[in-house]
Amino acid sequence: MKNNPTRDHLLDVATKLFHSQGYHATGLNQILKESGTPKGSLYHYFPNGKDQLVKEVVQSSSNRLVKDIQAHLDSDLDPVIAIQHYLDKMSQRFENLETPDKLDMPPFSLISLESAFANEEIRQVCQENYNQVEQLYYKKIVASGVAQPEAHALAVSICAAIEGVLMLSITKKSNEPIHMLRKTIPGFFA
Protein backbone atom coordinates (compact mmCIF):
# COMPACT_ATOMS: atom_id res chain seq x y z
CA MET A 1 0.00 0.00 0.00
CA LYS A 2 1.21 3.52 -0.81
CA ASN A 3 2.55 5.65 1.97
CA ASN A 4 -0.20 7.63 3.60
CA PRO A 5 0.49 10.09 6.44
CA THR A 6 -2.50 8.91 8.52
CA ARG A 7 -1.70 5.22 8.04
CA ASP A 8 1.99 5.80 8.74
CA HIS A 9 1.15 7.79 11.88
CA LEU A 10 -1.08 4.97 13.15
CA LEU A 11 1.77 2.49 12.56
CA ASP A 12 4.26 4.74 14.39
CA VAL A 13 2.00 5.19 17.41
CA ALA A 14 1.11 1.49 17.52
CA THR A 15 4.80 0.55 17.26
CA LYS A 16 5.69 2.70 20.25
CA LEU A 17 2.77 1.40 22.31
CA PHE A 18 3.34 -2.27 21.46
CA HIS A 19 7.01 -1.79 22.30
CA SER A 20 6.46 -0.09 25.64
CA GLN A 21 3.34 -1.96 26.81
CA GLY A 22 3.10 -5.13 24.77
CA TYR A 23 0.44 -6.40 22.42
CA HIS A 24 -2.19 -7.45 24.96
CA ALA A 25 -1.92 -4.32 27.11
CA THR A 26 -2.34 -2.00 24.12
CA GLY A 27 -5.93 -1.39 23.08
CA LEU A 28 -7.26 0.12 19.88
CA ASN A 29 -8.88 2.94 21.83
CA GLN A 30 -5.49 3.92 23.26
CA ILE A 31 -3.92 3.82 19.78
CA LEU A 32 -6.74 6.03 18.48
CA LYS A 33 -6.45 8.46 21.39
CA GLU A 34 -2.66 8.77 21.23
CA SER A 35 -2.66 9.11 17.45
CA GLY A 36 -5.58 11.54 17.37
CA THR A 37 -7.06 9.45 14.56
CA PRO A 38 -10.77 8.73 14.09
CA LYS A 39 -11.89 5.12 14.50
CA GLY A 40 -13.10 4.99 10.90
CA SER A 41 -9.59 5.76 9.65
CA LEU A 42 -8.08 2.92 11.64
CA TYR A 43 -10.53 0.42 10.16
CA HIS A 44 -10.10 1.94 6.70
CA TYR A 45 -6.35 1.25 6.75
CA PHE A 46 -6.49 -1.85 8.96
CA PRO A 47 -9.85 -3.54 8.26
CA ASN A 48 -8.89 -6.59 10.35
CA GLY A 49 -8.22 -4.40 13.40
CA LYS A 50 -5.54 -4.95 15.98
CA ASP A 51 -4.20 -8.24 14.56
CA GLN A 52 -3.60 -6.67 11.17
CA LEU A 53 -2.09 -3.60 12.79
CA VAL A 54 0.39 -5.62 14.86
CA LYS A 55 1.38 -7.77 11.87
CA GLU A 56 2.06 -4.64 9.83
CA VAL A 57 3.97 -3.10 12.74
CA VAL A 58 6.21 -6.17 12.82
CA GLN A 59 6.64 -6.19 9.03
CA SER A 60 7.37 -2.46 8.85
CA SER A 61 9.80 -2.62 11.78
CA SER A 62 11.40 -5.69 10.26
CA ASN A 63 12.06 -3.87 7.00
CA ARG A 64 13.83 -1.07 8.90
CA LEU A 65 15.77 -3.53 11.03
CA VAL A 66 16.95 -5.57 8.03
CA LYS A 67 18.20 -2.41 6.30
CA ASP A 68 19.96 -1.29 9.47
CA ILE A 69 21.66 -4.63 10.09
CA GLN A 70 22.64 -4.97 6.42
CA ALA A 71 24.26 -1.53 6.44
CA HIS A 72 26.38 -2.55 9.43
CA LEU A 73 27.24 -5.93 7.97
CA ASP A 74 28.39 -4.16 4.80
CA SER A 75 30.65 -1.89 6.86
CA ASP A 76 33.51 -4.42 7.00
CA LEU A 77 34.51 -7.65 5.23
CA ASP A 78 35.22 -9.30 8.60
CA PRO A 79 31.90 -10.48 10.11
CA VAL A 80 33.24 -10.04 13.66
CA ILE A 81 34.02 -6.36 13.09
CA ALA A 82 30.77 -5.79 11.17
CA ILE A 83 28.68 -7.33 13.96
CA GLN A 84 30.60 -5.30 16.52
CA HIS A 85 29.71 -2.15 14.54
CA TYR A 86 26.05 -3.11 14.80
CA LEU A 87 26.41 -3.72 18.55
CA ASP A 88 28.08 -0.31 18.90
CA LYS A 89 25.00 1.30 17.37
CA MET A 90 22.72 -0.73 19.65
CA SER A 91 24.77 0.39 22.63
CA GLN A 92 24.35 4.05 21.69
CA ARG A 93 20.57 3.62 21.78
CA PHE A 94 20.78 2.70 25.46
CA GLU A 95 22.86 5.65 26.61
CA ASN A 96 20.88 7.77 29.05
CA LEU A 97 17.88 5.46 28.74
CA GLU A 98 15.06 6.57 30.99
CA THR A 99 11.97 4.97 29.50
CA PRO A 100 11.37 2.26 26.86
CA ASP A 101 9.55 4.71 24.58
CA LYS A 102 12.90 6.45 24.01
CA LEU A 103 14.21 3.37 22.21
CA ASP A 104 13.92 3.31 18.46
CA MET A 105 13.84 -0.47 18.21
CA PRO A 106 11.24 -2.87 16.94
CA PRO A 107 9.19 -4.78 19.52
CA PHE A 108 9.73 -8.27 18.09
CA SER A 109 10.71 -10.01 21.30
CA LEU A 110 7.81 -8.72 23.32
CA ILE A 111 5.27 -9.38 20.58
CA SER A 112 6.78 -12.81 19.88
CA LEU A 113 6.61 -13.85 23.51
CA GLU A 114 3.04 -12.63 23.93
CA SER A 115 1.66 -14.14 20.73
CA ALA A 116 3.55 -17.40 20.25
CA PHE A 117 0.82 -19.54 21.80
CA ALA A 118 -2.13 -17.20 21.34
CA ASN A 119 -2.06 -16.10 17.69
CA GLU A 120 -0.47 -18.25 15.01
CA GLU A 121 -0.55 -15.56 12.31
CA ILE A 122 1.31 -13.04 14.46
CA ARG A 123 3.78 -15.74 15.55
CA GLN A 124 4.48 -16.53 11.89
CA VAL A 125 5.11 -12.86 11.05
CA CYS A 126 7.55 -12.66 13.97
CA GLN A 127 9.22 -15.90 12.85
CA GLU A 128 9.62 -14.51 9.32
CA ASN A 129 11.39 -11.49 10.81
CA TYR A 130 13.80 -13.65 12.76
CA ASN A 131 14.42 -15.79 9.66
CA GLN A 132 15.33 -12.67 7.66
CA VAL A 133 17.72 -11.47 10.35
CA GLU A 134 19.34 -14.90 10.67
CA GLN A 135 19.81 -15.00 6.90
CA LEU A 136 21.66 -11.68 6.97
CA TYR A 137 24.13 -13.04 9.51
CA TYR A 138 24.33 -16.39 7.71
CA LYS A 139 25.21 -14.82 4.35
CA LYS A 140 27.84 -12.61 5.95
CA ILE A 141 29.41 -15.54 7.77
CA VAL A 142 29.41 -17.80 4.69
CA ALA A 143 30.97 -15.00 2.63
CA SER A 144 33.86 -14.97 5.11
CA GLY A 145 34.63 -18.62 4.34
CA VAL A 146 32.83 -20.44 7.16
CA ALA A 147 31.21 -23.75 6.12
CA GLN A 148 27.42 -23.61 5.71
CA PRO A 149 26.34 -25.83 8.64
CA GLU A 150 28.62 -23.97 11.04
CA ALA A 151 27.54 -20.62 9.54
CA HIS A 152 23.90 -21.49 10.18
CA ALA A 153 24.61 -22.37 13.82
CA LEU A 154 26.61 -19.15 14.23
CA ALA A 155 23.84 -17.05 12.66
CA VAL A 156 21.19 -18.50 14.98
CA SER A 157 23.49 -18.06 18.00
CA ILE A 158 24.31 -14.45 17.12
CA CYS A 159 20.66 -13.60 16.56
CA ALA A 160 19.72 -15.20 19.89
CA ALA A 161 22.58 -13.47 21.71
CA ILE A 162 21.60 -10.07 20.33
CA GLU A 163 17.96 -10.59 21.28
CA GLY A 164 19.10 -11.67 24.74
CA VAL A 165 21.30 -8.64 25.34
CA LEU A 166 18.50 -6.43 24.09
CA MET A 167 16.19 -7.86 26.78
CA LEU A 168 18.92 -7.60 29.43
CA SER A 169 19.72 -4.03 28.45
CA ILE A 170 16.07 -3.04 28.61
CA THR A 171 15.65 -4.75 31.98
CA LYS A 172 18.82 -3.23 33.43
CA LYS A 173 18.34 0.11 31.65
CA SER A 174 21.98 -0.21 30.72
CA ASN A 175 24.09 -0.85 27.65
CA GLU A 176 26.58 -2.96 29.65
CA PRO A 177 25.18 -6.32 28.40
CA ILE A 178 25.73 -5.09 24.84
CA HIS A 179 29.34 -4.18 25.68
CA MET A 180 29.86 -7.68 27.11
CA LEU A 181 28.47 -9.34 23.98
CA ARG A 182 30.62 -7.10 21.80
CA LYS A 183 33.72 -8.35 23.62
CA THR A 184 32.70 -12.02 23.27
CA ILE A 185 31.69 -11.98 19.58
CA PRO A 186 35.23 -12.99 18.45
CA GLY A 187 34.84 -16.14 20.58
CA PHE A 188 31.85 -17.20 18.49
CA PHE A 189 34.22 -17.55 15.54
CA ALA A 190 37.11 -19.22 17.40
C-alpha atoms as a PDB file:
ATOM      1  CA  MET A   1       0.000   0.000   0.000  1.00  0.00           C
ATOM      2  CA  LYS A   2       1.214   3.518  -0.814  1.00  0.00           C
ATOM      3  CA  ASN A   3       2.550   5.645   1.969  1.00  0.00           C
ATOM      4  CA  ASN A   4      -0.198   7.628   3.599  1.00  0.00           C
ATOM      5  CA  PRO A   5       0.488  10.087   6.445  1.00  0.00           C
ATOM      6  CA  THR A   6      -2.496   8.910   8.515  1.00  0.00           C
ATOM      7  CA  ARG A   7      -1.704   5.218   8.038  1.00  0.00           C
ATOM      8  CA  ASP A   8       1.994   5.804   8.739  1.00  0.00           C
ATOM      9  CA  HIS A   9       1.145   7.790  11.879  1.00  0.00           C
ATOM     10  CA  LEU A  10      -1.077   4.965  13.152  1.00  0.00           C
ATOM     11  CA  LEU A  11       1.766   2.490  12.555  1.00  0.00           C
ATOM     12  CA  ASP A  12       4.259   4.742  14.389  1.00  0.00           C
ATOM     13  CA  VAL A  13       1.996   5.194  17.411  1.00  0.00           C
ATOM     14  CA  ALA A  14       1.113   1.489  17.516  1.00  0.00           C
ATOM     15  CA  THR A  15       4.796   0.547  17.257  1.00  0.00           C
ATOM     16  CA  LYS A  16       5.690   2.703  20.249  1.00  0.00           C
ATOM     17  CA  LEU A  17       2.770   1.401  22.311  1.00  0.00           C
ATOM     18  CA  PHE A  18       3.344  -2.268  21.456  1.00  0.00           C
ATOM     19  CA  HIS A  19       7.015  -1.786  22.301  1.00  0.00           C
ATOM     20  CA  SER A  20       6.462  -0.092  25.635  1.00  0.00           C
ATOM     21  CA  GLN A  21       3.338  -1.958  26.806  1.00  0.00           C
ATOM     22  CA  GLY A  22       3.100  -5.133  24.772  1.00  0.00           C
ATOM     23  CA  TYR A  23       0.444  -6.400  22.419  1.00  0.00           C
ATOM     24  CA  HIS A  24      -2.189  -7.452  24.960  1.00  0.00           C
ATOM     25  CA  ALA A  25      -1.917  -4.319  27.106  1.00  0.00           C
ATOM     26  CA  THR A  26      -2.341  -1.997  24.121  1.00  0.00           C
ATOM     27  CA  GLY A  27      -5.926  -1.392  23.076  1.00  0.00           C
ATOM     28  CA  LEU A  28      -7.258   0.117  19.877  1.00  0.00           C
ATOM     29  CA  ASN A  29      -8.881   2.943  21.828  1.00  0.00           C
ATOM     30  CA  GLN A  30      -5.489   3.923  23.262  1.00  0.00           C
ATOM     31  CA  ILE A  31      -3.920   3.824  19.784  1.00  0.00           C
ATOM     32  CA  LEU A  32      -6.737   6.033  18.481  1.00  0.00           C
ATOM     33  CA  LYS A  33      -6.453   8.457  21.392  1.00  0.00           C
ATOM     34  CA  GLU A  34      -2.658   8.775  21.231  1.00  0.00           C
ATOM     35  CA  SER A  35      -2.663   9.108  17.451  1.00  0.00           C
ATOM     36  CA  GLY A  36      -5.584  11.541  17.365  1.00  0.00           C
ATOM     37  CA  THR A  37      -7.061   9.450  14.556  1.00  0.00           C
ATOM     38  CA  PRO A  38     -10.773   8.729  14.095  1.00  0.00           C
ATOM     39  CA  LYS A  39     -11.894   5.119  14.500  1.00  0.00           C
ATOM     40  CA  GLY A  40     -13.098   4.989  10.896  1.00  0.00           C
ATOM     41  CA  SER A  41      -9.586   5.762   9.652  1.00  0.00           C
ATOM     42  CA  LEU A  42      -8.084   2.925  11.643  1.00  0.00           C
ATOM     43  CA  TYR A  43     -10.528   0.415  10.157  1.00  0.00           C
ATOM     44  CA  HIS A  44     -10.103   1.944   6.703  1.00  0.00           C
ATOM     45  CA  TYR A  45      -6.349   1.251   6.755  1.00  0.00           C
ATOM     46  CA  PHE A  46      -6.494  -1.848   8.956  1.00  0.00           C
ATOM     47  CA  PRO A  47      -9.849  -3.541   8.258  1.00  0.00           C
ATOM     48  CA  ASN A  48      -8.890  -6.589  10.352  1.00  0.00           C
ATOM     49  CA  GLY A  49      -8.220  -4.403  13.395  1.00  0.00           C
ATOM     50  CA  LYS A  50      -5.535  -4.951  15.979  1.00  0.00           C
ATOM     51  CA  ASP A  51      -4.202  -8.239  14.562  1.00  0.00           C
ATOM     52  CA  GLN A  52      -3.604  -6.672  11.166  1.00  0.00           C
ATOM     53  CA  LEU A  53      -2.085  -3.602  12.791  1.00  0.00           C
ATOM     54  CA  VAL A  54       0.387  -5.620  14.858  1.00  0.00           C
ATOM     55  CA  LYS A  55       1.379  -7.766  11.870  1.00  0.00           C
ATOM     56  CA  GLU A  56       2.056  -4.639   9.830  1.00  0.00           C
ATOM     57  CA  VAL A  57       3.969  -3.096  12.742  1.00  0.00           C
ATOM     58  CA  VAL A  58       6.212  -6.170  12.824  1.00  0.00           C
ATOM     59  CA  GLN A  59       6.641  -6.186   9.030  1.00  0.00           C
ATOM     60  CA  SER A  60       7.367  -2.456   8.854  1.00  0.00           C
ATOM     61  CA  SER A  61       9.795  -2.620  11.777  1.00  0.00           C
ATOM     62  CA  SER A  62      11.401  -5.694  10.258  1.00  0.00           C
ATOM     63  CA  ASN A  63      12.055  -3.867   7.000  1.00  0.00           C
ATOM     64  CA  ARG A  64      13.826  -1.068   8.896  1.00  0.00           C
ATOM     65  CA  LEU A  65      15.772  -3.534  11.029  1.00  0.00           C
ATOM     66  CA  VAL A  66      16.953  -5.568   8.031  1.00  0.00           C
ATOM     67  CA  LYS A  67      18.203  -2.413   6.300  1.00  0.00           C
ATOM     68  CA  ASP A  68      19.964  -1.285   9.466  1.00  0.00           C
ATOM     69  CA  ILE A  69      21.663  -4.625  10.085  1.00  0.00           C
ATOM     70  CA  GLN A  70      22.638  -4.969   6.423  1.00  0.00           C
ATOM     71  CA  ALA A  71      24.257  -1.533   6.444  1.00  0.00           C
ATOM     72  CA  HIS A  72      26.384  -2.545   9.430  1.00  0.00           C
ATOM     73  CA  LEU A  73      27.240  -5.935   7.969  1.00  0.00           C
ATOM     74  CA  ASP A  74      28.386  -4.161   4.803  1.00  0.00           C
ATOM     75  CA  SER A  75      30.647  -1.886   6.856  1.00  0.00           C
ATOM     76  CA  ASP A  76      33.509  -4.418   6.998  1.00  0.00           C
ATOM     77  CA  LEU A  77      34.507  -7.652   5.233  1.00  0.00           C
ATOM     78  CA  ASP A  78      35.220  -9.304   8.597  1.00  0.00           C
ATOM     79  CA  PRO A  79      31.899 -10.481  10.112  1.00  0.00           C
ATOM     80  CA  VAL A  80      33.236 -10.037  13.662  1.00  0.00           C
ATOM     81  CA  ILE A  81      34.019  -6.365  13.092  1.00  0.00           C
ATOM     82  CA  ALA A  82      30.774  -5.789  11.168  1.00  0.00           C
ATOM     83  CA  ILE A  83      28.678  -7.327  13.960  1.00  0.00           C
ATOM     84  CA  GLN A  84      30.603  -5.297  16.522  1.00  0.00           C
ATOM     85  CA  HIS A  85      29.715  -2.151  14.540  1.00  0.00           C
ATOM     86  CA  TYR A  86      26.045  -3.111  14.798  1.00  0.00           C
ATOM     87  CA  LEU A  87      26.410  -3.716  18.546  1.00  0.00           C
ATOM     88  CA  ASP A  88      28.076  -0.312  18.904  1.00  0.00           C
ATOM     89  CA  LYS A  89      25.000   1.297  17.369  1.00  0.00           C
ATOM     90  CA  MET A  90      22.720  -0.727  19.653  1.00  0.00           C
ATOM     91  CA  SER A  91      24.767   0.392  22.630  1.00  0.00           C
ATOM     92  CA  GLN A  92      24.351   4.053  21.694  1.00  0.00           C
ATOM     93  CA  ARG A  93      20.568   3.616  21.780  1.00  0.00           C
ATOM     94  CA  PHE A  94      20.776   2.702  25.462  1.00  0.00           C
ATOM     95  CA  GLU A  95      22.859   5.645  26.606  1.00  0.00           C
ATOM     96  CA  ASN A  96      20.882   7.774  29.046  1.00  0.00           C
ATOM     97  CA  LEU A  97      17.879   5.460  28.740  1.00  0.00           C
ATOM     98  CA  GLU A  98      15.062   6.567  30.992  1.00  0.00           C
ATOM     99  CA  THR A  99      11.966   4.968  29.500  1.00  0.00           C
ATOM    100  CA  PRO A 100      11.366   2.257  26.864  1.00  0.00           C
ATOM    101  CA  ASP A 101       9.550   4.710  24.583  1.00  0.00           C
ATOM    102  CA  LYS A 102      12.896   6.451  24.011  1.00  0.00           C
ATOM    103  CA  LEU A 103      14.210   3.366  22.212  1.00  0.00           C
ATOM    104  CA  ASP A 104      13.918   3.306  18.462  1.00  0.00           C
ATOM    105  CA  MET A 105      13.836  -0.470  18.213  1.00  0.00           C
ATOM    106  CA  PRO A 106      11.237  -2.874  16.942  1.00  0.00           C
ATOM    107  CA  PRO A 107       9.187  -4.780  19.523  1.00  0.00           C
ATOM    108  CA  PHE A 108       9.728  -8.268  18.091  1.00  0.00           C
ATOM    109  CA  SER A 109      10.714 -10.013  21.302  1.00  0.00           C
ATOM    110  CA  LEU A 110       7.811  -8.721  23.316  1.00  0.00           C
ATOM    111  CA  ILE A 111       5.266  -9.381  20.582  1.00  0.00           C
ATOM    112  CA  SER A 112       6.776 -12.810  19.879  1.00  0.00           C
ATOM    113  CA  LEU A 113       6.606 -13.853  23.513  1.00  0.00           C
ATOM    114  CA  GLU A 114       3.040 -12.634  23.927  1.00  0.00           C
ATOM    115  CA  SER A 115       1.657 -14.138  20.734  1.00  0.00           C
ATOM    116  CA  ALA A 116       3.555 -17.404  20.253  1.00  0.00           C
ATOM    117  CA  PHE A 117       0.823 -19.539  21.801  1.00  0.00           C
ATOM    118  CA  ALA A 118      -2.133 -17.201  21.341  1.00  0.00           C
ATOM    119  CA  ASN A 119      -2.059 -16.105  17.693  1.00  0.00           C
ATOM    120  CA  GLU A 120      -0.474 -18.254  15.008  1.00  0.00           C
ATOM    121  CA  GLU A 121      -0.554 -15.560  12.308  1.00  0.00           C
ATOM    122  CA  ILE A 122       1.313 -13.044  14.457  1.00  0.00           C
ATOM    123  CA  ARG A 123       3.776 -15.740  15.548  1.00  0.00           C
ATOM    124  CA  GLN A 124       4.481 -16.527  11.887  1.00  0.00           C
ATOM    125  CA  VAL A 125       5.111 -12.860  11.050  1.00  0.00           C
ATOM    126  CA  CYS A 126       7.554 -12.659  13.973  1.00  0.00           C
ATOM    127  CA  GLN A 127       9.221 -15.900  12.850  1.00  0.00           C
ATOM    128  CA  GLU A 128       9.622 -14.510   9.320  1.00  0.00           C
ATOM    129  CA  ASN A 129      11.386 -11.486  10.814  1.00  0.00           C
ATOM    130  CA  TYR A 130      13.804 -13.653  12.758  1.00  0.00           C
ATOM    131  CA  ASN A 131      14.416 -15.785   9.661  1.00  0.00           C
ATOM    132  CA  GLN A 132      15.332 -12.671   7.658  1.00  0.00           C
ATOM    133  CA  VAL A 133      17.717 -11.467  10.346  1.00  0.00           C
ATOM    134  CA  GLU A 134      19.337 -14.899  10.668  1.00  0.00           C
ATOM    135  CA  GLN A 135      19.807 -14.997   6.897  1.00  0.00           C
ATOM    136  CA  LEU A 136      21.660 -11.679   6.973  1.00  0.00           C
ATOM    137  CA  TYR A 137      24.134 -13.037   9.507  1.00  0.00           C
ATOM    138  CA  TYR A 138      24.328 -16.389   7.707  1.00  0.00           C
ATOM    139  CA  LYS A 139      25.212 -14.824   4.349  1.00  0.00           C
ATOM    140  CA  LYS A 140      27.840 -12.607   5.953  1.00  0.00           C
ATOM    141  CA  ILE A 141      29.414 -15.536   7.771  1.00  0.00           C
ATOM    142  CA  VAL A 142      29.410 -17.803   4.689  1.00  0.00           C
ATOM    143  CA  ALA A 143      30.973 -14.996   2.630  1.00  0.00           C
ATOM    144  CA  SER A 144      33.856 -14.972   5.114  1.00  0.00           C
ATOM    145  CA  GLY A 145      34.626 -18.617   4.343  1.00  0.00           C
ATOM    146  CA  VAL A 146      32.834 -20.436   7.159  1.00  0.00           C
ATOM    147  CA  ALA A 147      31.208 -23.748   6.118  1.00  0.00           C
ATOM    148  CA  GLN A 148      27.420 -23.608   5.711  1.00  0.00           C
ATOM    149  CA  PRO A 149      26.339 -25.835   8.643  1.00  0.00           C
ATOM    150  CA  GLU A 150      28.625 -23.967  11.036  1.00  0.00           C
ATOM    151  CA  ALA A 151      27.541 -20.619   9.541  1.00  0.00           C
ATOM    152  CA  HIS A 152      23.901 -21.495  10.178  1.00  0.00           C
ATOM    153  CA  ALA A 153      24.608 -22.372  13.820  1.00  0.00           C
ATOM    154  CA  LEU A 154      26.606 -19.150  14.235  1.00  0.00           C
ATOM    155  CA  ALA A 155      23.843 -17.053  12.660  1.00  0.00           C
ATOM    156  CA  VAL A 156      21.194 -18.502  14.981  1.00  0.00           C
ATOM    157  CA  SER A 157      23.488 -18.063  18.000  1.00  0.00           C
ATOM    158  CA  ILE A 158      24.308 -14.445  17.123  1.00  0.00           C
ATOM    159  CA  CYS A 159      20.659 -13.598  16.559  1.00  0.00           C
ATOM    160  CA  ALA A 160      19.723 -15.200  19.888  1.00  0.00           C
ATOM    161  CA  ALA A 161      22.581 -13.471  21.708  1.00  0.00           C
ATOM    162  CA  ILE A 162      21.600 -10.071  20.330  1.00  0.00           C
ATOM    163  CA  GLU A 163      17.957 -10.587  21.281  1.00  0.00           C
ATOM    164  CA  GLY A 164      19.103 -11.672  24.735  1.00  0.00           C
ATOM    165  CA  VAL A 165      21.301  -8.637  25.344  1.00  0.00           C
ATOM    166  CA  LEU A 166      18.497  -6.430  24.090  1.00  0.00           C
ATOM    167  CA  MET A 167      16.193  -7.856  26.776  1.00  0.00           C
ATOM    168  CA  LEU A 168      18.922  -7.603  29.434  1.00  0.00           C
ATOM    169  CA  SER A 169      19.722  -4.027  28.448  1.00  0.00           C
ATOM    170  CA  ILE A 170      16.071  -3.042  28.615  1.00  0.00           C
ATOM    171  CA  THR A 171      15.652  -4.751  31.982  1.00  0.00           C
ATOM    172  CA  LYS A 172      18.821  -3.232  33.426  1.00  0.00           C
ATOM    173  CA  LYS A 173      18.342   0.113  31.650  1.00  0.00           C
ATOM    174  CA  SER A 174      21.982  -0.213  30.721  1.00  0.00           C
ATOM    175  CA  ASN A 175      24.095  -0.854  27.649  1.00  0.00           C
ATOM    176  CA  GLU A 176      26.577  -2.960  29.654  1.00  0.00           C
ATOM    177  CA  PRO A 177      25.178  -6.321  28.400  1.00  0.00           C
ATOM    178  CA  ILE A 178      25.728  -5.088  24.835  1.00  0.00           C
ATOM    179  CA  HIS A 179      29.338  -4.184  25.678  1.00  0.00           C
ATOM    180  CA  MET A 180      29.856  -7.680  27.106  1.00  0.00           C
ATOM    181  CA  LEU A 181      28.473  -9.342  23.984  1.00  0.00           C
ATOM    182  CA  ARG A 182      30.619  -7.101  21.796  1.00  0.00           C
ATOM    183  CA  LYS A 183      33.718  -8.353  23.615  1.00  0.00           C
ATOM    184  CA  THR A 184      32.696 -12.019  23.274  1.00  0.00           C
ATOM    185  CA  ILE A 185      31.689 -11.982  19.576  1.00  0.00           C
ATOM    186  CA  PRO A 186      35.225 -12.993  18.448  1.00  0.00           C
ATOM    187  CA  GLY A 187      34.837 -16.141  20.577  1.00  0.00           C
ATOM    188  CA  PHE A 188      31.847 -17.197  18.490  1.00  0.00           C
ATOM    189  CA  PHE A 189      34.216 -17.546  15.539  1.00  0.00           C
ATOM    190  CA  ALA A 190      37.112 -19.216  17.400  1.00  0.00           C
END
